[in-house]
Amino acid sequence: MDVSLNVKIIFVLCDPVRRVVSDYLEWTTKQPKFPLGMRHKYIAETFEKSVIEGDRLGTVNMFNEIVDVGVYVKHLIRWFDYFLPNQILLIDGDQFKIDPVTELQRVETFLELKPFFRTDHFYFDHSKNFYCSAFPDKYCLGSTKGRPHPPIEGSVLRKLCEYYRAYDVTLSKMTEKTFSWIGKC
């Protein structure tokens, strides 16, 4: 496959444990709670039952798409088969949440754009607990962004952290980048 050397791709990645909780919330607010057929998404009556197979001693349901999407290295490796490393920019979504200016300046550099973003282009929204745009007008993402996550059983969070750990280490080695969430579980 011939791909233009001018193509540039930007991926925003975040803590996969937070990602799976967020995906669960997204689907529970939009979809009824039942197996979703060919999509390979399974949303049960609780988060824990959606991501853990069997009873509380079960294993992470790696075949559930809301879990699988956080195995970033599995998905990115395909892109690295077709694009050179200098054509791909990986943004740490958790870092972006706390320092959008620095991450957007990385995007500007990557895309070879004139510097534009400044600190005064953003304001911190305390109700959402993240930064919003202040330029040209104040704007913040909708109600589905920044909403509180439900309490999750500690044992389930530990299982998810353990499940993603090896994939995250491989991701770091493959990309030569340490993401903010790695080693935080």
Protein backbone atom coordinates (compact mmCIF):
# COMPACT_ATOMS: atom_id res chain seq x y z
CA MET A 1 0.00 0.00 0.00
CA ASP A 2 1.43 3.35 -1.03
CA VAL A 3 0.76 6.13 1.45
CA SER A 4 1.76 9.73 1.00
CA LEU A 5 4.66 10.88 3.15
CA ASN A 6 2.71 14.10 3.68
CA VAL A 7 -0.02 12.36 5.67
CA LYS A 8 0.12 13.00 9.41
CA ILE A 9 -1.99 11.23 12.00
CA ILE A 10 -2.73 12.32 15.55
CA PHE A 11 -3.95 9.91 18.21
CA VAL A 12 -5.12 10.98 21.65
CA LEU A 13 -4.71 8.23 24.23
CA CYS A 14 -5.77 8.23 27.87
CA ASP A 15 -5.57 5.90 30.84
CA PRO A 16 -7.26 2.74 29.49
CA VAL A 17 -8.91 2.05 32.85
CA ARG A 18 -10.49 5.49 32.80
CA ARG A 19 -11.33 4.94 29.11
CA VAL A 20 -13.29 1.74 29.79
CA VAL A 21 -15.26 3.39 32.61
CA SER A 22 -16.00 6.35 30.35
CA ASP A 23 -17.09 4.07 27.49
CA TYR A 24 -19.38 2.18 29.86
CA LEU A 25 -20.96 5.46 30.99
CA GLU A 26 -21.37 6.59 27.40
CA TRP A 27 -23.12 3.38 26.39
CA THR A 28 -25.35 3.18 29.45
CA THR A 29 -26.69 6.65 28.79
CA LYS A 30 -27.38 5.93 25.12
CA GLN A 31 -28.14 2.24 24.81
CA PRO A 32 -30.32 -0.32 26.58
CA LYS A 33 -28.43 -2.81 28.75
CA PHE A 34 -28.13 -6.00 26.72
CA PRO A 35 -25.58 -7.69 24.45
CA LEU A 36 -25.13 -5.50 21.41
CA GLY A 37 -24.72 -8.26 18.84
CA MET A 38 -22.05 -8.01 16.17
CA ARG A 39 -20.48 -4.91 17.71
CA HIS A 40 -18.93 -7.10 20.42
CA LYS A 41 -19.92 -4.60 23.09
CA TYR A 42 -21.56 -6.00 26.15
CA ILE A 43 -23.15 -3.63 28.63
CA ALA A 44 -24.55 -5.33 31.72
CA GLU A 45 -26.52 -3.85 34.61
CA THR A 46 -23.25 -2.87 36.33
CA PHE A 47 -19.82 -1.82 35.18
CA GLU A 48 -18.25 -4.75 37.03
CA LYS A 49 -20.46 -7.30 35.26
CA SER A 50 -19.70 -5.67 31.93
CA VAL A 51 -15.92 -5.98 32.18
CA ILE A 52 -15.40 -9.07 34.35
CA GLU A 53 -16.36 -12.56 33.20
CA GLY A 54 -18.23 -14.77 35.63
CA ASP A 55 -18.36 -13.96 39.31
CA ARG A 56 -16.16 -11.59 41.32
CA LEU A 57 -13.23 -13.99 40.91
CA GLY A 58 -13.55 -13.83 37.12
CA THR A 59 -11.09 -12.42 34.66
CA VAL A 60 -11.25 -9.30 32.53
CA ASN A 61 -13.54 -9.79 29.55
CA MET A 62 -10.97 -9.09 26.86
CA PHE A 63 -13.50 -9.78 24.13
CA ASN A 64 -15.74 -6.91 25.17
CA GLU A 65 -15.03 -4.02 22.82
CA ILE A 66 -15.19 -1.45 25.63
CA VAL A 67 -12.23 -3.28 27.22
CA ASP A 68 -10.40 -4.01 23.98
CA VAL A 69 -10.34 -0.40 22.79
CA GLY A 70 -7.85 0.41 25.60
CA VAL A 71 -5.30 -2.10 24.28
CA TYR A 72 -3.77 0.74 22.31
CA VAL A 73 -0.64 -1.08 21.18
CA LYS A 74 -2.75 -3.70 19.36
CA HIS A 75 -4.48 -1.00 17.33
CA LEU A 76 -1.50 1.32 16.80
CA ILE A 77 0.84 -1.39 15.52
CA ARG A 78 -1.28 -1.58 12.37
CA TRP A 79 -0.80 2.15 11.74
CA PHE A 80 2.96 1.82 12.25
CA ASP A 81 2.99 -0.80 9.49
CA TYR A 82 1.98 1.90 6.99
CA PHE A 83 3.24 5.17 8.43
CA LEU A 84 6.66 6.29 9.57
CA PRO A 85 7.07 7.35 13.20
CA ASN A 86 7.48 10.99 12.13
CA GLN A 87 4.00 10.84 10.56
CA ILE A 88 2.29 9.87 13.82
CA LEU A 89 1.85 12.02 16.89
CA LEU A 90 0.62 10.47 20.12
CA ILE A 91 -0.99 12.87 22.55
CA ASP A 92 -1.35 11.85 26.18
CA GLY A 93 -5.02 12.66 26.81
CA ASP A 94 -4.53 12.77 30.57
CA GLN A 95 -1.72 15.31 30.12
CA PHE A 96 -3.87 17.23 27.64
CA LYS A 97 -6.59 17.49 30.28
CA ILE A 98 -4.24 19.24 32.73
CA ASP A 99 -2.10 21.21 30.26
CA PRO A 100 -3.87 21.69 26.92
CA VAL A 101 -1.58 24.50 25.76
CA THR A 102 1.59 22.40 25.85
CA GLU A 103 -0.09 19.51 24.06
CA LEU A 104 -1.60 21.77 21.40
CA GLN A 105 1.80 23.38 20.87
CA ARG A 106 3.15 19.87 20.22
CA VAL A 107 0.40 19.48 17.59
CA GLU A 108 1.37 22.81 16.01
CA THR A 109 5.01 21.73 15.81
CA PHE A 110 4.07 18.32 14.41
CA LEU A 111 1.89 19.89 11.73
CA GLU A 112 4.47 22.61 11.08
CA LEU A 113 1.99 25.36 11.87
CA LYS A 114 2.78 28.83 13.09
CA PRO A 115 2.45 29.06 16.88
CA PHE A 116 -1.04 30.12 17.88
CA PHE A 117 -2.19 28.60 21.18
CA ARG A 118 -1.54 30.50 24.39
CA THR A 119 -2.53 30.03 28.00
CA ASP A 120 -5.12 32.81 27.81
CA HIS A 121 -7.00 30.80 25.16
CA PHE A 122 -8.23 28.49 27.93
CA TYR A 123 -9.93 28.67 31.30
CA PHE A 124 -10.41 26.00 33.94
CA ASP A 125 -14.02 24.96 34.48
CA HIS A 126 -14.28 23.81 38.10
CA SER A 127 -17.62 22.09 37.61
CA LYS A 128 -16.26 19.93 34.78
CA ASN A 129 -12.78 19.70 36.28
CA PHE A 130 -10.99 20.38 33.00
CA TYR A 131 -9.96 23.22 30.70
CA CYS A 132 -12.32 24.81 28.20
CA SER A 133 -11.79 27.18 25.31
CA ALA A 134 -11.79 30.91 26.04
CA PHE A 135 -11.01 31.99 22.45
CA PRO A 136 -12.63 33.39 20.45
CA ASP A 137 -15.58 32.85 22.83
CA LYS A 138 -15.99 30.76 25.93
CA TYR A 139 -16.93 27.20 25.03
CA CYS A 140 -16.88 23.94 26.95
CA LEU A 141 -17.68 20.40 25.87
CA GLY A 142 -21.22 19.15 26.43
CA SER A 143 -22.78 17.45 29.43
CA THR A 144 -21.46 14.00 28.54
CA LYS A 145 -17.87 15.20 29.06
CA GLY A 146 -16.45 15.69 32.52
CA ARG A 147 -19.28 13.91 34.26
CA PRO A 148 -18.44 12.03 37.45
CA HIS A 149 -17.63 8.36 37.14
CA PRO A 150 -19.50 5.90 39.33
CA PRO A 151 -17.71 4.22 42.23
CA ILE A 152 -16.02 1.03 41.01
CA GLU A 153 -15.05 -1.93 43.16
CA GLY A 154 -11.34 -1.73 44.01
CA SER A 155 -10.78 -5.37 43.04
CA VAL A 156 -12.17 -4.68 39.55
CA LEU A 157 -9.95 -1.61 39.11
CA ARG A 158 -6.93 -3.67 40.16
CA LYS A 159 -7.83 -6.40 37.65
CA LEU A 160 -8.17 -3.82 34.88
CA CYS A 161 -4.85 -2.18 35.83
CA GLU A 162 -3.13 -5.55 35.80
CA TYR A 163 -4.77 -6.46 32.50
CA TYR A 164 -3.58 -3.29 30.73
CA ARG A 165 -0.12 -3.13 32.37
CA ALA A 166 1.76 -5.38 29.92
CA TYR A 167 0.11 -3.70 26.93
CA ASP A 168 1.06 -0.26 28.29
CA VAL A 169 4.68 -1.31 28.80
CA THR A 170 4.79 -2.59 25.21
CA LEU A 171 3.20 0.65 24.02
CA SER A 172 5.90 2.66 25.78
CA LYS A 173 8.66 0.57 24.25
CA MET A 174 7.13 0.70 20.76
CA THR A 175 6.60 4.47 20.82
CA GLU A 176 9.56 5.39 23.06
CA LYS A 177 7.09 7.46 25.11
CA THR A 178 6.07 7.14 28.74
CA PHE A 179 2.43 8.02 29.19
CA SER A 180 1.25 9.72 32.37
CA TRP A 181 -0.94 6.84 33.53
CA ILE A 182 1.69 4.10 33.27
CA GLY A 183 2.72 2.81 36.69
CA LYS A 184 0.00 4.76 38.50
CA CYS A 185 -2.18 1.76 39.40
